[in-house]
Protein backbone atom coordinates (compact mmCIF):
# COMPACT_ATOMS: atom_id res chain seq x y z
CA UNK A 1 114.88 64.75 84.40
CA UNK A 2 115.03 67.86 86.79
CA UNK A 3 113.98 68.69 90.14
CA UNK A 4 113.13 70.08 92.65
CA UNK A 5 112.72 69.87 96.57
CA UNK A 6 110.00 68.08 98.60
CA UNK A 7 108.72 69.52 101.75
CA UNK A 8 111.34 66.83 104.14
CA UNK A 9 113.78 68.96 101.90
CA UNK A 10 115.28 65.64 99.72
CA UNK A 11 115.48 66.75 96.28
CA UNK A 12 112.17 64.98 94.10
CA UNK A 13 112.36 63.70 90.50
CA UNK A 14 109.80 66.02 88.54
CA UNK A 15 106.54 63.96 87.57
CA UNK A 16 106.30 63.69 84.06
CA UNK A 17 102.60 64.04 83.94
CA UNK A 18 101.96 66.96 86.30
CA UNK A 19 104.41 69.76 87.38
CA UNK A 20 103.79 72.10 90.62
CA UNK A 21 103.70 75.87 90.12
CA UNK A 22 107.22 76.95 90.12
CA UNK A 23 108.77 80.34 91.00
CA UNK A 24 108.35 82.00 86.97
CA UNK A 25 103.81 81.68 88.34
CA UNK A 26 104.28 82.97 91.78
CA UNK A 27 106.59 86.41 90.61
CA UNK A 28 103.27 88.76 89.86
CA UNK A 29 102.29 87.77 93.90
CA UNK A 30 106.53 89.02 94.83
CA UNK A 31 105.40 93.31 94.74
CA UNK A 32 101.35 92.30 96.44
CA UNK A 33 101.46 92.83 99.97
CA UNK A 34 102.76 90.69 103.01
CA UNK A 35 102.14 89.92 106.24
CA UNK A 36 104.56 92.27 106.90
CA UNK A 37 102.72 94.73 106.75
CA UNK A 38 100.48 93.52 109.26
CA UNK A 39 102.54 94.26 112.63
CA UNK A 40 101.45 98.49 111.88
CA UNK A 41 99.62 101.13 113.15
CA UNK A 42 95.56 101.14 111.40
CA UNK A 43 92.76 102.68 111.88
CA UNK A 44 90.10 101.59 110.14
CA UNK A 45 90.75 103.37 106.83
CA UNK A 46 93.79 101.27 106.48
CA UNK A 47 91.63 98.26 107.18
CA UNK A 48 90.01 98.85 104.57
CA UNK A 49 92.70 98.64 102.47
CA UNK A 50 93.95 95.61 103.48
CA UNK A 51 90.73 93.88 103.81
CA UNK A 52 91.09 94.76 99.77
CA UNK A 53 94.98 93.79 99.16
CA UNK A 54 93.94 90.10 100.27
CA UNK A 55 90.94 90.42 97.89
CA UNK A 56 93.09 91.18 95.18
CA UNK A 57 95.17 88.54 96.09
CA UNK A 58 92.23 86.50 96.77
CA UNK A 59 91.08 87.19 93.28
CA UNK A 60 94.60 86.50 91.29
CA UNK A 61 95.01 82.84 92.97
CA UNK A 62 91.87 82.23 91.41
CA UNK A 63 92.47 84.62 87.75
CA UNK A 64 96.57 83.86 86.89
CA UNK A 65 97.60 80.98 88.87
CA UNK A 66 94.17 78.54 89.23
CA UNK A 67 93.50 78.51 85.34
CA UNK A 68 97.80 77.41 85.02
CA UNK A 69 96.66 74.89 87.64
CA UNK A 70 93.91 72.89 86.37
CA UNK A 71 95.76 73.10 82.68
CA UNK A 72 98.85 70.99 84.21
CA UNK A 73 96.23 68.49 86.06
CA UNK A 74 94.45 68.51 82.70
CA UNK A 75 96.90 66.51 80.73
CA UNK A 76 96.14 63.21 78.89
CA UNK A 77 98.41 61.63 81.18
CA UNK A 78 96.01 62.21 84.78
CA UNK A 79 93.37 61.00 83.34
CA UNK A 80 94.39 57.79 83.80
CA UNK A 81 93.42 58.43 86.81
CA UNK A 82 90.52 56.72 89.51
CA UNK A 83 90.13 60.33 90.65
CA UNK A 84 91.03 64.07 89.73
CA UNK A 85 91.33 67.32 91.46
CA UNK A 86 88.42 69.93 90.70
CA UNK A 87 87.82 73.63 91.26
CA UNK A 88 85.30 73.59 94.42
CA UNK A 89 83.90 77.19 95.54
CA UNK A 90 82.16 77.44 98.58
CA UNK A 91 78.36 78.79 99.52
CA UNK A 92 80.95 81.89 100.79
CA UNK A 93 82.37 81.27 96.63
CA UNK A 94 86.03 80.95 98.16
CA UNK A 95 87.69 78.79 95.70
CA UNK A 96 88.96 74.78 96.90
CA UNK A 97 90.78 72.66 95.20
CA UNK A 98 89.56 68.92 96.10
CA UNK A 99 90.02 65.39 95.07
CA UNK A 100 87.16 64.19 93.88
CA UNK A 101 86.17 60.46 91.79
CA UNK A 102 85.24 60.26 88.31
CA UNK A 103 82.53 58.72 87.85
CA UNK A 104 81.85 62.35 90.74
CA UNK A 105 80.26 59.57 92.90
CA UNK A 106 82.67 61.33 95.74
CA UNK A 107 84.93 64.27 97.42
CA UNK A 108 86.68 64.49 99.83
CA UNK A 109 90.77 64.84 100.51
CA UNK A 110 90.21 61.48 101.26
CA UNK A 111 90.20 59.49 98.15
CA UNK A 112 94.48 61.18 97.79
CA UNK A 113 94.98 58.75 100.39
CA UNK A 114 92.70 55.50 98.35
CA UNK A 115 94.75 56.30 95.49
CA UNK A 116 98.46 56.37 96.61
CA UNK A 117 97.40 53.34 99.05
CA UNK A 118 95.02 51.38 95.50
CA UNK A 119 97.68 49.32 92.74
CA UNK A 120 94.88 50.34 90.31
CA UNK A 121 96.95 53.32 89.96
CA UNK A 122 98.96 53.27 87.26
CA UNK A 123 103.13 53.25 89.35
CA UNK A 124 103.91 56.32 86.43
CA UNK A 125 101.49 58.31 87.99
CA UNK A 126 102.30 58.37 92.33
CA UNK A 127 104.99 60.00 91.36
CA UNK A 128 102.33 62.82 90.00
CA UNK A 129 100.09 61.99 91.79
CA UNK A 130 101.78 63.11 94.81
CA UNK A 131 102.83 66.66 93.73
CA UNK A 132 99.43 67.18 93.36
CA UNK A 133 98.14 67.12 96.22
CA UNK A 134 101.66 68.65 97.82
CA UNK A 135 99.58 71.68 95.10
CA UNK A 136 95.97 71.43 96.71
CA UNK A 137 97.60 71.50 100.20
CA UNK A 138 99.71 74.42 99.58
CA UNK A 139 96.69 76.51 97.72
CA UNK A 140 94.16 75.44 99.58
CA UNK A 141 96.72 77.26 101.86
CA UNK A 142 96.99 80.56 100.16
CA UNK A 143 93.15 81.24 99.34
CA UNK A 144 92.55 80.12 103.65
CA UNK A 145 94.92 82.74 104.77
CA UNK A 146 94.20 85.70 102.15
CA UNK A 147 90.26 85.10 102.40
CA UNK A 148 90.12 85.42 106.36
CA UNK A 149 93.04 88.20 106.47
CA UNK A 150 90.07 89.64 104.44
CA UNK A 151 87.87 89.10 106.42
CA UNK A 152 89.29 90.37 109.31
CA UNK A 153 90.93 93.29 108.66
CA UNK A 154 86.53 94.55 107.17
CA UNK A 155 85.42 93.06 110.55
CA UNK A 156 88.19 95.08 112.74
CA UNK A 157 87.45 98.08 110.13
CA UNK A 158 83.80 98.30 110.82
CA UNK A 159 84.70 98.10 114.60
CA UNK A 160 87.29 100.69 114.36
CA UNK A 161 84.35 103.20 112.90
CA UNK A 162 81.72 102.21 115.38
CA UNK A 163 84.58 103.58 117.97
CA UNK A 164 84.72 106.04 116.08
CA UNK A 165 81.29 107.54 115.65
CA UNK A 166 81.13 106.21 119.15
CA UNK A 167 83.58 108.58 120.85
CA UNK A 168 82.20 111.51 118.20
CA UNK A 169 78.42 110.98 119.19
CA UNK A 170 80.57 112.10 123.23
CA UNK A 171 82.25 114.31 122.65
CA UNK A 172 79.19 116.24 120.97
CA UNK A 173 77.78 115.46 123.81
CA UNK A 174 79.67 118.93 125.39
CA UNK A 175 82.45 119.41 128.18
CA UNK A 176 79.20 120.20 130.70
CA UNK A 177 78.72 116.14 130.30
CA UNK A 178 82.06 114.75 131.54
CA UNK A 179 82.03 117.68 134.42
CA UNK A 180 79.22 116.72 136.03
CA UNK A 181 79.86 114.60 139.40
CA UNK A 182 78.10 111.39 140.56
CA UNK A 183 75.16 112.55 142.31
CA UNK A 184 73.86 115.06 139.93
CA UNK A 185 76.05 118.16 141.62
CA UNK A 186 78.61 119.86 138.52
CA UNK A 187 81.82 120.42 139.51
CA UNK A 188 83.27 124.22 139.57
């Protein structure tokens, strides 16, 4: 049985029926934009490019990683659980993974806690359930961060364009406006 390092640093056995996404699934993201680009000089165009890169990462998460993850979550053995992980789109269109009861009556994050505490959860699936929750947390964080960066970078770009337009308008007023003294007298 293979192992992986858990959050606490302890080695955990791999789940019997669910394997979290690993380094190979994330390999194509290695050369993508990173946060190290955050601490640099920006202009409006640079902000728009950064927003576009972040949206691209978000799209890769949805089109490349989510299908792989859903394939693993839908393993036949995991259908014995009373809960399931499902993609849920917000009004803004961002996709997150949420826990849902199989009878569609409840959808929330507390279902994981309830499933872990429930005697109805088969003991052999407890590790799989835990690994699924860890994957859900990581995926949702990645979606949230890439979406937030794109949103904030786009807002910053709009503000920079507005500031530049105000500056250019001021320049068009001419030098005489900048030489005017308080009280309406021109300077010498």
